[in-house]
C-alpha atoms as a PDB file:
ATOM      1  CA  UNK A   1     -16.366  -7.508  -3.097  1.00  0.00           C
ATOM      2  CA  UNK A   2     -12.874  -8.188  -3.484  1.00  0.00           C
ATOM      3  CA  UNK A   3     -10.281  -7.998  -0.769  1.00  0.00           C
ATOM      4  CA  UNK A   4      -9.146  -4.661  -0.194  1.00  0.00           C
ATOM      5  CA  UNK A   5      -5.388  -3.408  -0.919  1.00  0.00           C
ATOM      6  CA  UNK A   6      -3.083  -0.491   0.135  1.00  0.00           C
ATOM      7  CA  UNK A   7      -0.860   0.003  -2.930  1.00  0.00           C
ATOM      8  CA  UNK A   8       2.213   1.967  -1.184  1.00  0.00           C
ATOM      9  CA  UNK A   9       4.619   3.361  -4.081  1.00  0.00           C
ATOM     10  CA  UNK A  10       6.687   6.918  -4.651  1.00  0.00           C
ATOM     11  CA  UNK A  11       6.382   5.871  -8.137  1.00  0.00           C
ATOM     12  CA  UNK A  12       2.960   6.997  -9.745  1.00  0.00           C
ATOM     13  CA  UNK A  13       3.164   5.150 -12.628  1.00  0.00           C
ATOM     14  CA  UNK A  14       3.548   1.566 -10.510  1.00  0.00           C
ATOM     15  CA  UNK A  15       0.670   2.482  -8.466  1.00  0.00           C
ATOM     16  CA  UNK A  16      -1.152   2.848 -11.770  1.00  0.00           C
ATOM     17  CA  UNK A  17      -0.071  -0.084 -12.849  1.00  0.00           C
ATOM     18  CA  UNK A  18      -0.692  -1.835 -10.187  1.00  0.00           C
ATOM     19  CA  UNK A  19      -4.173  -1.242 -10.029  1.00  0.00           C
ATOM     20  CA  UNK A  20      -4.762  -1.603 -13.587  1.00  0.00           C
ATOM     21  CA  UNK A  21      -3.858  -5.645 -12.451  1.00  0.00           C
ATOM     22  CA  UNK A  22      -5.633  -5.878  -9.594  1.00  0.00           C
ATOM     23  CA  UNK A  23      -9.039  -4.031 -10.314  1.00  0.00           C
ATOM     24  CA  UNK A  24     -10.015  -6.186 -13.090  1.00  0.00           C
ATOM     25  CA  UNK A  25      -9.280  -9.155 -11.144  1.00  0.00           C
ATOM     26  CA  UNK A  26     -12.192  -8.324  -8.480  1.00  0.00           C
ATOM     27  CA  UNK A  27      -9.451  -6.209  -6.018  1.00  0.00           C
ATOM     28  CA  UNK A  28     -10.775  -2.984  -4.314  1.00  0.00           C
ATOM     29  CA  UNK A  29      -7.998  -0.615  -4.036  1.00  0.00           C
ATOM     30  CA  UNK A  30      -8.970   0.728  -0.270  1.00  0.00           C
ATOM     31  CA  UNK A  31      -6.170   3.148  -0.547  1.00  0.00           C
ATOM     32  CA  UNK A  32      -2.468   4.509  -1.988  1.00  0.00           C
ATOM     33  CA  UNK A  33       0.488   6.143   0.071  1.00  0.00           C
ATOM     34  CA  UNK A  34       3.467   7.600  -1.141  1.00  0.00           C
ATOM     35  CA  UNK A  35       5.784   6.605   1.786  1.00  0.00           C
ATOM     36  CA  UNK A  36       6.452   4.175   4.605  1.00  0.00           C
ATOM     37  CA  UNK A  37       5.140   7.126   6.753  1.00  0.00           C
ATOM     38  CA  UNK A  38       1.470   7.403   4.570  1.00  0.00           C
ATOM     39  CA  UNK A  39       1.596   3.735   4.882  1.00  0.00           C
ATOM     40  CA  UNK A  40       1.493   3.279   8.228  1.00  0.00           C
ATOM     41  CA  UNK A  41      -1.039   5.745   8.698  1.00  0.00           C
ATOM     42  CA  UNK A  42      -3.403   4.488   6.010  1.00  0.00           C
ATOM     43  CA  UNK A  43      -2.993   1.040   7.207  1.00  0.00           C
ATOM     44  CA  UNK A  44      -4.470   2.103  10.886  1.00  0.00           C
ATOM     45  CA  UNK A  45      -7.173   4.313   8.949  1.00  0.00           C
ATOM     46  CA  UNK A  46      -8.142   1.634   6.246  1.00  0.00           C
ATOM     47  CA  UNK A  47      -7.555  -1.683   7.834  1.00  0.00           C
ATOM     48  CA  UNK A  48      -6.930  -3.049   4.293  1.00  0.00           C
ATOM     49  CA  UNK A  49      -6.910  -7.026   3.762  1.00  0.00           C
ATOM     50  CA  UNK A  50      -3.800  -6.591   2.178  1.00  0.00           C
ATOM     51  CA  UNK A  51      -0.821  -4.272   1.244  1.00  0.00           C
ATOM     52  CA  UNK A  52       1.409  -4.000  -1.229  1.00  0.00           C
ATOM     53  CA  UNK A  53       4.583  -2.353  -1.094  1.00  0.00           C
ATOM     54  CA  UNK A  54       8.000  -0.691  -2.411  1.00  0.00           C
ATOM     55  CA  UNK A  55      10.754  -1.827  -0.945  1.00  0.00           C
ATOM     56  CA  UNK A  56      13.074   1.716  -1.739  1.00  0.00           C
ATOM     57  CA  UNK A  57      11.112   4.877  -0.831  1.00  0.00           C
ATOM     58  CA  UNK A  58      12.133   8.209   0.621  1.00  0.00           C
ATOM     59  CA  UNK A  59      10.984   9.300   4.423  1.00  0.00           C
ATOM     60  CA  UNK A  60      10.591   5.626   5.805  1.00  0.00           C
ATOM     61  CA  UNK A  61      11.409   2.270   3.520  1.00  0.00           C
ATOM     62  CA  UNK A  62       9.288  -0.457   3.363  1.00  0.00           C
ATOM     63  CA  UNK A  63      10.648  -2.665   5.358  1.00  0.00           C
ATOM     64  CA  UNK A  64      10.900  -0.154   8.087  1.00  0.00           C
ATOM     65  CA  UNK A  65       6.989   0.688   7.332  1.00  0.00           C
ATOM     66  CA  UNK A  66       6.291  -2.799   7.103  1.00  0.00           C
ATOM     67  CA  UNK A  67       7.607  -3.494  10.794  1.00  0.00           C
ATOM     68  CA  UNK A  68       5.930  -0.571  12.137  1.00  0.00           C
ATOM     69  CA  UNK A  69       2.503  -2.493  10.319  1.00  0.00           C
ATOM     70  CA  UNK A  70       2.898  -5.784  12.166  1.00  0.00           C
ATOM     71  CA  UNK A  71       4.414  -4.774  15.523  1.00  0.00           C
ATOM     72  CA  UNK A  72       0.285  -2.898  15.963  1.00  0.00           C
END
């Protein structure tokens, strides 16, 4: 089984595009999030190996979410 990845982006088409690139290469999509708040929660729940993060999102941007994740 491949590495588990959490995809975080507020645009559905971008999340789909990232999945379409990663899945055929053997990566497992652990989950998806549409904003930084959801990303932090899903990171805690899913414990992925890698997170792809959009920088500009509403509610909490990617930089704030990354800081929160790294501080845990």
